[in-house]
Amino acid sequence: MRRLMPTIAAAVLLAVSANAQESKTAFFLDNCLYAWNVNPGTRVEGEPYRFFSIGLGNGSASLLASFYAPTINLGAVPSMFSSWSAFNLGLAQLGDLVNFGIDNRFLAGTSAQIFSFGRQWEDSRYSVSLNSRSDTRLNASFNFIRDFVLDLNGDLSNLSGTIGVDNVGFRSVHYLELCGSYTRNLGDIASVGGNVKLLLGYFGMGLDINTMRVGVFPDGGFGADLNAGMFFSSSVLTVPSTWKDGREVYDFSSARLGGLGFSGIGTAVDFGLNVQPASGLTLGLSVLDFGLMYWGGGFDARLDYSGRAVESKNEIFALEPGGRGSRFKMLNYDIHLSAQYRMPFYDGWSVGMLGTYQPYFREVRLGTAVTPVKYISLALSTAFNNFGINVGTALNVRLPGLSLYLATDSLNFSRRMTNVTAGLAIAFPG
């Protein structure tokens, strides 16, 4: 356990440095190029063109946390792989996190576009892209850090009494995504689109604790009760294991980098629909990242025992022969509902609403966008979600053959929340 938590922390940092979520504030911009990230059924508008990007496509990094974090640093480092390639979360010491006051939730996501190309006609559009994606979540009761991790992080010989925790969930998956997209207008009042994705995973880790109690037995020995599920699969990180008393004990303190390759494979689909029931009014529905991944190698197991005597923290999570869990894992899908209205007296001003549902996240976002001149669009939004209230802004600059935007969804208003998104597309007449 002493090394398990740093391993989880490293996975969290890997997640926010590898990829990112779509920008919801940019969805309101007067430019369909970015709305397709939220709804692939967004209506095709404008002149025909071709576009491409290599390491210059959409990239974003997001962090939503309900707990106190002493330092949060956000930075971008250019690289050949993405326009947004670094997201640095600095947590001073575990001891600084004892100010958790409510149930703790942590969501981090990124999406770095390695390359993309496509073409738009008058009423349809296609694209192909290769992206690096990550999704990390942590949810735990308020005493997880304060009363459990800090105590268990010390020497077992100093532990007295019993400590425990219930309902802890952690998941971190990292993968490459090859995506094919197509959108088509259906007459004057509707449009439909979708994406088909091939997923290749290189790191997956999860720990779901229903209940866990550790403490000192009456005879002075150290023991544990545990009901949990855990899995680990990685082509880039190797964790050695040994056998003791018929159980497999993984030593995360000896984890080391492995070779390149993939340990997971899967598929997912996106679907989007837009309708215009009245002049200026657009309603939308989309489902994103609905799919499964199969994780090979490593381990996937259920742990359910009571009164097990252990001599080290690693033995708490020692695996029994058999008792394996499912190696198929669902992605953290999104469902979006939207409504936008363009003002009849000024074509460059619109207002709208975007609702988002994820298994661990709910949000309603209100936004407005204005295009004061042909080449510049601005957007402002405010959101109400299960992390609090936040404000977002977005800027889009469109020049002949070039479209650039920068957006943030979560200015720190009531919680530790950050979402920064950057995008650049090169287009030429098609």
Protein backbone atom coordinates (compact mmCIF):
# COMPACT_ATOMS: atom_id res chain seq x y z
CA MET A 1 0.00 0.00 0.00
CA ARG A 2 2.91 2.32 0.69
CA ARG A 3 3.88 2.23 -2.97
CA LEU A 4 0.39 1.65 -4.29
CA MET A 5 -0.74 5.22 -3.58
CA PRO A 6 2.30 6.81 -5.30
CA THR A 7 1.64 4.49 -8.24
CA ILE A 8 -1.95 5.75 -8.37
CA ALA A 9 -0.66 9.33 -8.10
CA ALA A 10 1.75 8.70 -10.98
CA ALA A 11 -1.13 7.35 -13.05
CA VAL A 12 -3.11 10.52 -12.34
CA LEU A 13 -0.21 12.68 -13.50
CA LEU A 14 0.23 10.52 -16.59
CA ALA A 15 -3.42 11.00 -17.41
CA VAL A 16 -3.35 14.77 -17.37
CA SER A 17 -0.14 14.92 -19.36
CA ALA A 18 -1.29 12.53 -22.07
CA ASN A 19 -4.68 13.80 -23.28
CA ALA A 20 -7.87 15.92 -22.60
CA GLN A 21 -11.62 16.46 -22.70
CA GLU A 22 -13.49 18.54 -25.27
CA SER A 23 -14.07 22.22 -24.56
CA LYS A 24 -17.69 22.89 -23.72
CA THR A 25 -17.34 26.68 -23.84
CA ALA A 26 -15.89 26.44 -27.37
CA PHE A 27 -19.08 24.58 -28.32
CA PHE A 28 -20.89 27.94 -28.26
CA LEU A 29 -18.41 29.65 -30.61
CA ASP A 30 -19.68 30.70 -34.01
CA ASN A 31 -17.50 28.05 -35.67
CA CYS A 32 -18.72 24.48 -36.25
CA LEU A 33 -15.16 23.15 -36.33
CA TYR A 34 -15.09 22.86 -32.53
CA ALA A 35 -18.74 22.01 -31.96
CA TRP A 36 -18.09 18.66 -33.70
CA ASN A 37 -16.01 17.60 -30.68
CA VAL A 38 -19.16 17.76 -28.52
CA ASN A 39 -21.75 16.79 -31.14
CA PRO A 40 -20.57 14.98 -34.31
CA GLY A 41 -24.01 15.71 -35.79
CA THR A 42 -23.42 19.48 -35.85
CA ARG A 43 -24.77 20.93 -39.11
CA VAL A 44 -22.31 21.37 -41.99
CA GLU A 45 -22.07 25.03 -43.03
CA GLY A 46 -19.79 27.18 -45.15
CA GLU A 47 -17.77 26.70 -48.32
CA PRO A 48 -16.16 23.33 -49.23
CA TYR A 49 -12.59 22.91 -48.00
CA ARG A 50 -9.93 20.37 -47.06
CA PHE A 51 -8.06 20.46 -43.77
CA PHE A 52 -5.17 18.75 -42.03
CA SER A 53 -3.02 18.97 -38.91
CA ILE A 54 0.07 17.12 -37.70
CA GLY A 55 0.75 17.71 -34.04
CA LEU A 56 -1.26 20.93 -34.31
CA GLY A 57 -4.78 19.70 -33.76
CA ASN A 58 -7.14 20.08 -30.85
CA GLY A 59 -5.59 19.36 -27.48
CA SER A 60 -6.86 19.98 -23.99
CA ALA A 61 -6.24 19.17 -20.36
CA SER A 62 -8.83 19.25 -17.59
CA LEU A 63 -8.86 18.79 -13.84
CA LEU A 64 -11.98 18.75 -11.67
CA ALA A 65 -11.47 18.20 -7.96
CA SER A 66 -13.66 18.73 -4.93
CA PHE A 67 -10.76 18.62 -2.48
CA TYR A 68 -8.13 21.05 -1.30
CA ALA A 69 -4.94 20.96 -3.37
CA PRO A 70 -2.14 23.29 -2.17
CA THR A 71 -0.53 23.88 -5.57
CA ILE A 72 -1.88 23.48 -9.06
CA ASN A 73 0.34 24.45 -11.98
CA LEU A 74 -0.86 24.33 -15.56
CA GLY A 75 1.53 24.66 -18.47
CA ALA A 76 1.86 23.92 -22.16
CA VAL A 77 5.01 22.53 -23.73
CA PRO A 78 5.12 22.36 -27.55
CA SER A 79 6.08 18.99 -29.00
CA MET A 80 5.87 17.12 -32.28
CA PHE A 81 2.91 15.15 -30.96
CA SER A 82 0.42 17.73 -29.73
CA SER A 83 -0.21 21.42 -29.32
CA TRP A 84 -0.99 20.77 -25.67
CA SER A 85 1.41 18.23 -24.23
CA ALA A 86 1.99 18.98 -20.56
CA PHE A 87 -0.30 19.38 -17.60
CA ASN A 88 1.53 19.55 -14.28
CA LEU A 89 -0.36 18.95 -11.06
CA GLY A 90 1.78 19.67 -8.00
CA LEU A 91 0.68 18.29 -4.63
CA ALA A 92 3.10 19.33 -1.90
CA GLN A 93 2.71 16.47 0.61
CA LEU A 94 0.07 13.89 1.44
CA GLY A 95 -0.23 15.60 4.79
CA ASP A 96 -1.46 18.78 3.07
CA LEU A 97 -4.53 16.92 1.84
CA VAL A 98 -6.05 16.33 5.28
CA ASN A 99 -8.39 19.28 4.74
CA PHE A 100 -10.80 17.10 2.78
CA GLY A 101 -14.18 18.17 4.11
CA ILE A 102 -16.69 16.43 1.86
CA ASP A 103 -16.76 13.34 -0.30
CA ASN A 104 -13.70 13.60 -2.49
CA ARG A 105 -13.95 13.47 -6.26
CA PHE A 106 -11.20 13.86 -8.81
CA LEU A 107 -11.62 13.75 -12.60
CA ALA A 108 -8.80 14.36 -15.04
CA GLY A 109 -8.86 14.00 -18.79
CA THR A 110 -6.86 14.94 -21.85
CA SER A 111 -6.96 14.52 -25.62
CA ALA A 112 -3.92 15.28 -27.78
CA GLN A 113 -4.37 15.07 -31.53
CA ILE A 114 -1.38 13.47 -33.25
CA PHE A 115 -2.71 14.04 -36.76
CA SER A 116 -5.98 14.61 -38.60
CA PHE A 117 -7.19 15.22 -42.13
CA GLY A 118 -10.55 15.54 -43.82
CA ARG A 119 -12.78 17.28 -46.29
CA GLN A 120 -16.02 19.22 -46.18
CA TRP A 121 -18.56 19.57 -48.98
CA GLU A 122 -21.69 21.73 -49.06
CA ASP A 123 -23.80 19.24 -47.10
CA SER A 124 -21.40 16.61 -45.70
CA ARG A 125 -18.04 16.19 -44.01
CA TYR A 126 -15.57 13.42 -43.21
CA SER A 127 -12.35 13.25 -41.19
CA VAL A 128 -9.76 10.75 -39.97
CA SER A 129 -7.68 11.39 -36.85
CA LEU A 130 -5.25 9.70 -34.50
CA ASN A 131 -5.49 10.88 -30.89
CA SER A 132 -3.93 10.10 -27.54
CA ARG A 133 -6.64 9.81 -24.88
CA SER A 134 -6.73 9.43 -21.12
CA ASP A 135 -9.39 9.25 -18.47
CA THR A 136 -8.77 9.20 -14.71
CA ARG A 137 -11.21 9.33 -11.82
CA LEU A 138 -11.02 9.02 -8.06
CA ASN A 139 -13.95 9.07 -5.67
CA ALA A 140 -13.58 8.41 -1.96
CA SER A 141 -15.18 9.19 1.39
CA PHE A 142 -13.88 12.22 3.25
CA ASN A 143 -11.72 10.15 5.62
CA PHE A 144 -9.84 8.29 2.90
CA ILE A 145 -6.75 10.50 3.08
CA ARG A 146 -7.13 11.89 6.57
CA ASP A 147 -7.82 8.69 8.49
CA PHE A 148 -6.61 5.93 6.20
CA VAL A 149 -3.84 6.62 3.73
CA LEU A 150 -1.72 8.66 6.12
CA ASP A 151 -1.97 6.00 8.83
CA LEU A 152 -1.30 3.11 6.47
CA ASN A 153 1.60 4.97 4.86
CA GLY A 154 3.59 4.62 8.08
CA ASP A 155 5.24 1.57 9.60
CA LEU A 156 2.78 -1.20 10.47
CA SER A 157 4.48 -1.67 13.81
CA ASN A 158 3.30 1.81 14.82
CA LEU A 159 -0.33 1.11 13.98
CA SER A 160 -2.75 0.63 16.86
CA GLY A 161 -6.43 -0.21 16.74
CA THR A 162 -8.31 -0.54 13.47
CA ILE A 163 -8.69 1.80 10.52
CA GLY A 164 -10.94 1.39 7.51
CA VAL A 165 -12.54 2.91 4.48
CA ASP A 166 -15.63 2.24 2.34
CA ASN A 167 -16.67 3.01 -1.24
CA VAL A 168 -13.39 4.05 -2.85
CA GLY A 169 -13.16 4.01 -6.64
CA PHE A 170 -10.12 4.67 -8.81
CA ARG A 171 -9.71 4.16 -12.55
CA SER A 172 -7.01 5.38 -14.95
CA VAL A 173 -6.85 4.31 -18.60
CA HIS A 174 -4.58 5.57 -21.39
CA TYR A 175 -4.87 4.65 -25.04
CA LEU A 176 -4.45 5.65 -28.68
CA GLU A 177 -7.61 6.29 -30.68
CA LEU A 178 -7.93 5.94 -34.45
CA CYS A 179 -11.16 7.72 -35.37
CA GLY A 180 -13.18 7.94 -38.58
CA SER A 181 -15.94 10.60 -38.65
CA TYR A 182 -18.81 11.44 -41.01
CA THR A 183 -21.54 14.11 -40.84
CA ARG A 184 -24.38 14.82 -43.27
CA ASN A 185 -27.16 17.38 -43.47
CA LEU A 186 -30.67 15.97 -43.83
CA GLY A 187 -32.50 18.69 -45.70
CA ASP A 188 -32.86 22.11 -44.11
CA ILE A 189 -33.88 21.14 -40.58
CA ALA A 190 -31.68 18.23 -39.44
CA SER A 191 -28.16 16.81 -39.54
CA VAL A 192 -26.67 13.57 -38.26
CA GLY A 193 -23.13 12.32 -37.70
CA GLY A 194 -21.01 9.76 -35.97
CA ASN A 195 -17.53 8.46 -35.24
CA VAL A 196 -16.17 4.91 -35.24
CA LYS A 197 -13.05 4.34 -33.13
CA LEU A 198 -10.37 1.69 -32.78
CA LEU A 199 -8.71 1.84 -29.36
CA LEU A 200 -5.23 0.56 -28.45
CA GLY A 201 -4.46 0.75 -24.72
CA TYR A 202 -1.01 1.03 -23.19
CA PHE A 203 -1.89 1.58 -19.51
CA GLY A 204 -4.92 0.62 -17.44
CA MET A 205 -5.33 0.48 -13.67
CA GLY A 206 -8.31 0.31 -11.34
CA LEU A 207 -9.10 -0.22 -7.67
CA ASP A 208 -12.67 -0.36 -6.36
CA ILE A 209 -12.94 -0.92 -2.61
CA ASN A 210 -16.39 -1.73 -1.26
CA THR A 211 -15.11 -2.10 2.30
CA MET A 212 -11.67 -2.42 3.85
CA ARG A 213 -10.54 -2.78 7.48
CA VAL A 214 -6.97 -3.17 8.65
CA GLY A 215 -5.69 -3.34 12.19
CA VAL A 216 -4.01 -5.23 14.99
CA PHE A 217 -5.36 -8.64 16.01
CA PRO A 218 -5.72 -9.52 19.72
CA ASP A 219 -2.55 -11.63 19.47
CA GLY A 220 -0.61 -8.59 18.25
CA GLY A 221 -0.45 -9.61 14.59
CA PHE A 222 -1.57 -7.42 11.72
CA GLY A 223 -4.66 -8.43 9.76
CA ALA A 224 -7.18 -7.20 7.24
CA ASP A 225 -10.74 -7.58 5.93
CA LEU A 226 -11.28 -6.64 2.30
CA ASN A 227 -14.00 -6.65 -0.34
CA ALA A 228 -12.65 -5.08 -3.51
CA GLY A 229 -11.87 -5.44 -7.19
CA MET A 230 -8.65 -4.39 -8.87
CA PHE A 231 -6.99 -4.63 -12.26
CA PHE A 232 -3.66 -3.65 -13.78
CA SER A 233 -2.56 -3.89 -17.40
CA SER A 234 0.33 -2.04 -18.99
CA SER A 235 2.79 -2.39 -21.82
CA VAL A 236 5.00 0.40 -20.48
CA LEU A 237 5.15 -0.49 -16.77
CA THR A 238 6.08 -3.87 -15.27
CA VAL A 239 5.18 -4.83 -11.69
CA PRO A 240 6.99 -7.95 -10.37
CA SER A 241 5.17 -10.49 -8.21
CA THR A 242 5.99 -13.34 -5.83
CA TRP A 243 3.95 -16.18 -4.34
CA LYS A 244 3.36 -16.55 -0.60
CA ASP A 245 0.98 -18.98 1.11
CA GLY A 246 -0.62 -19.75 -2.25
CA ARG A 247 -1.29 -16.09 -3.05
CA GLU A 248 0.31 -13.81 -5.63
CA VAL A 249 1.78 -10.65 -4.09
CA TYR A 250 2.53 -7.72 -6.42
CA ASP A 251 5.33 -5.38 -5.34
CA PHE A 252 4.50 -1.90 -6.64
CA SER A 253 7.61 -0.52 -4.95
CA SER A 254 9.67 -2.40 -7.56
CA ALA A 255 7.67 -1.30 -10.59
CA ARG A 256 9.86 -0.51 -13.59
CA LEU A 257 9.46 0.73 -17.13
CA GLY A 258 8.85 -1.95 -19.72
CA GLY A 259 8.95 -1.93 -23.50
CA LEU A 260 6.69 -0.24 -26.00
CA GLY A 261 3.51 -1.96 -27.06
CA PHE A 262 -0.18 -2.30 -26.31
CA SER A 263 -1.94 -4.30 -23.61
CA GLY A 264 -5.52 -3.31 -24.41
CA ILE A 265 -7.76 -3.24 -27.46
CA GLY A 266 -11.30 -1.98 -27.89
CA THR A 267 -13.80 -0.06 -29.92
CA ALA A 268 -16.19 2.83 -29.34
CA VAL A 269 -18.74 4.90 -31.24
CA ASP A 270 -20.02 8.48 -31.09
CA PHE A 271 -23.40 9.62 -32.37
CA GLY A 272 -24.88 13.08 -32.81
CA LEU A 273 -28.15 14.60 -34.05
CA ASN A 274 -29.14 18.23 -34.61
CA VAL A 275 -32.60 19.56 -35.51
CA GLN A 276 -33.85 23.09 -36.22
CA PRO A 277 -37.57 23.14 -35.36
CA ALA A 278 -37.83 26.92 -35.72
CA SER A 279 -35.90 29.75 -37.28
CA GLY A 280 -32.75 30.42 -35.25
CA LEU A 281 -33.33 27.54 -32.80
CA THR A 282 -31.11 24.43 -32.85
CA LEU A 283 -31.57 21.39 -30.58
CA GLY A 284 -28.90 18.72 -30.25
CA LEU A 285 -28.28 15.27 -28.76
CA SER A 286 -24.98 13.37 -28.71
CA VAL A 287 -23.48 10.26 -27.11
CA LEU A 288 -19.68 10.06 -27.00
CA ASP A 289 -17.18 7.30 -26.17
CA PHE A 290 -19.73 4.52 -25.85
CA GLY A 291 -17.59 1.40 -25.98
CA LEU A 292 -15.48 -1.28 -24.32
CA MET A 293 -11.82 -2.14 -23.95
CA TYR A 294 -10.29 -5.53 -23.27
CA TRP A 295 -7.17 -5.41 -21.09
CA GLY A 296 -4.74 -8.33 -21.31
CA GLY A 297 -1.69 -9.25 -19.25
CA GLY A 298 -1.26 -8.00 -15.70
CA PHE A 299 -4.14 -9.07 -13.49
CA ASP A 300 -7.85 -8.59 -12.95
CA ALA A 301 -9.27 -9.99 -9.73
CA ARG A 302 -11.90 -9.88 -7.02
CA LEU A 303 -10.70 -9.89 -3.41
CA ASP A 304 -13.16 -10.92 -0.72
CA TYR A 305 -11.83 -12.16 2.60
CA SER A 306 -12.04 -11.62 6.36
CA GLY A 307 -9.40 -12.01 9.05
CA ARG A 308 -6.42 -12.56 6.77
CA ALA A 309 -3.11 -12.28 8.61
CA VAL A 310 -0.58 -10.23 6.64
CA GLU A 311 2.98 -9.12 7.26
CA SER A 312 3.24 -6.28 4.75
CA LYS A 313 0.98 -3.76 3.08
CA ASN A 314 1.38 -5.42 -0.30
CA GLU A 315 -0.12 -8.61 1.14
CA ILE A 316 -3.41 -6.81 1.78
CA PHE A 317 -3.96 -6.97 -1.99
CA ALA A 318 -2.46 -10.44 -2.54
CA LEU A 319 -4.45 -12.32 -5.17
CA GLU A 320 -6.00 -15.73 -4.64
CA PRO A 321 -5.84 -18.28 -7.49
CA GLY A 322 -9.04 -17.92 -9.51
CA GLY A 323 -11.54 -15.23 -8.52
CA ARG A 324 -10.72 -13.21 -11.59
CA GLY A 325 -12.85 -10.26 -12.65
CA SER A 326 -13.92 -9.17 -16.11
CA ARG A 327 -11.16 -7.82 -18.34
CA PHE A 328 -13.72 -5.85 -20.36
CA LYS A 329 -14.00 -2.25 -19.11
CA MET A 330 -16.48 0.37 -20.27
CA LEU A 331 -15.23 3.80 -21.22
CA ASN A 332 -16.34 6.90 -19.35
CA TYR A 333 -19.06 7.87 -21.86
CA ASP A 334 -20.73 11.29 -22.27
CA ILE A 335 -24.32 12.23 -23.08
CA HIS A 336 -24.95 15.83 -24.20
CA LEU A 337 -28.21 17.74 -24.67
CA SER A 338 -28.04 21.22 -26.17
CA ALA A 339 -30.17 24.14 -27.27
CA GLN A 340 -28.94 27.25 -29.07
CA TYR A 341 -30.77 30.32 -30.32
CA ARG A 342 -29.43 32.91 -32.75
CA MET A 343 -30.84 36.39 -32.24
CA PRO A 344 -33.09 37.53 -35.12
CA PHE A 345 -31.99 41.16 -34.81
CA TYR A 346 -28.22 40.38 -34.84
CA ASP A 347 -26.90 37.31 -36.64
CA GLY A 348 -23.57 37.47 -34.78
CA TRP A 349 -25.06 36.87 -31.30
CA SER A 350 -26.32 33.55 -29.95
CA VAL A 351 -27.22 32.08 -26.56
CA GLY A 352 -27.48 28.46 -25.53
CA MET A 353 -27.49 25.66 -23.00
CA LEU A 354 -25.41 22.46 -22.85
CA GLY A 355 -26.19 19.63 -20.44
CA THR A 356 -23.62 16.89 -19.80
CA TYR A 357 -24.02 13.51 -18.14
CA GLN A 358 -21.17 11.14 -17.25
CA PRO A 359 -21.28 8.25 -14.78
CA TYR A 360 -19.35 10.43 -12.31
CA PHE A 361 -20.13 13.94 -13.53
CA ARG A 362 -23.25 16.09 -14.11
CA GLU A 363 -23.30 19.60 -15.50
CA VAL A 364 -25.59 22.28 -16.93
CA ARG A 365 -23.74 25.04 -18.78
CA LEU A 366 -25.24 28.32 -20.01
CA GLY A 367 -23.33 30.15 -22.71
CA THR A 368 -23.37 33.06 -25.11
CA ALA A 369 -21.22 33.86 -28.13
CA VAL A 370 -20.69 36.99 -30.17
CA THR A 371 -18.92 37.55 -33.49
CA PRO A 372 -18.21 41.30 -33.64
CA VAL A 373 -16.17 41.01 -36.84
CA LYS A 374 -15.85 38.29 -39.47
CA TYR A 375 -12.59 36.80 -38.19
CA ILE A 376 -13.11 36.86 -34.41
CA SER A 377 -15.61 35.05 -32.17
CA LEU A 378 -15.86 35.25 -28.38
CA ALA A 379 -17.80 33.02 -25.97
CA LEU A 380 -18.61 33.16 -22.27
CA SER A 381 -20.25 30.44 -20.18
CA THR A 382 -21.14 29.57 -16.62
CA ALA A 383 -21.70 26.02 -15.37
CA PHE A 384 -23.39 24.33 -12.43
CA ASN A 385 -22.07 20.84 -11.71
CA ASN A 386 -21.35 18.43 -8.87
CA PHE A 387 -18.01 20.17 -8.29
CA GLY A 388 -19.55 23.61 -7.80
CA ILE A 389 -19.95 26.68 -10.02
CA ASN A 390 -17.44 27.83 -12.60
CA VAL A 391 -16.99 30.25 -15.47
CA GLY A 392 -15.54 29.59 -18.92
CA THR A 393 -14.29 31.76 -21.78
CA ALA A 394 -13.25 31.05 -25.38
CA LEU A 395 -11.64 32.95 -28.25
CA ASN A 396 -11.62 31.92 -31.91
CA VAL A 397 -9.53 33.67 -34.57
CA ARG A 398 -10.27 32.70 -38.18
CA LEU A 399 -7.92 33.82 -40.91
CA PRO A 400 -7.87 32.64 -44.52
CA GLY A 401 -6.69 29.02 -44.36
CA LEU A 402 -6.21 29.06 -40.58
CA SER A 403 -8.43 28.67 -37.53
CA LEU A 404 -7.08 29.04 -33.99
CA TYR A 405 -8.88 28.88 -30.65
CA LEU A 406 -8.10 28.97 -26.96
CA ALA A 407 -10.68 28.17 -24.29
CA THR A 408 -11.06 27.44 -20.60
CA ASP A 409 -14.14 25.79 -19.15
CA SER A 410 -13.38 25.97 -15.44
CA LEU A 411 -11.92 29.11 -14.01
CA ASN A 412 -11.41 28.49 -10.30
CA PHE A 413 -14.61 29.84 -8.77
CA SER A 414 -15.71 27.56 -5.94
CA ARG A 415 -13.44 24.48 -6.20
CA ARG A 416 -10.07 23.44 -7.57
CA MET A 417 -11.07 23.19 -11.22
CA THR A 418 -9.18 23.87 -14.41
CA ASN A 419 -9.84 23.12 -18.05
CA VAL A 420 -7.70 24.64 -20.78
CA THR A 421 -8.13 23.76 -24.45
CA ALA A 422 -6.14 24.85 -27.49
CA GLY A 423 -6.70 24.06 -31.16
CA LEU A 424 -5.24 24.90 -34.55
CA ALA A 425 -6.51 23.77 -37.96
CA ILE A 426 -5.10 24.47 -41.41
CA ALA A 427 -7.62 24.56 -44.25
CA PHE A 428 -7.47 25.17 -47.98
CA PRO A 429 -10.21 25.38 -50.62
CA GLY A 430 -11.64 22.00 -51.61
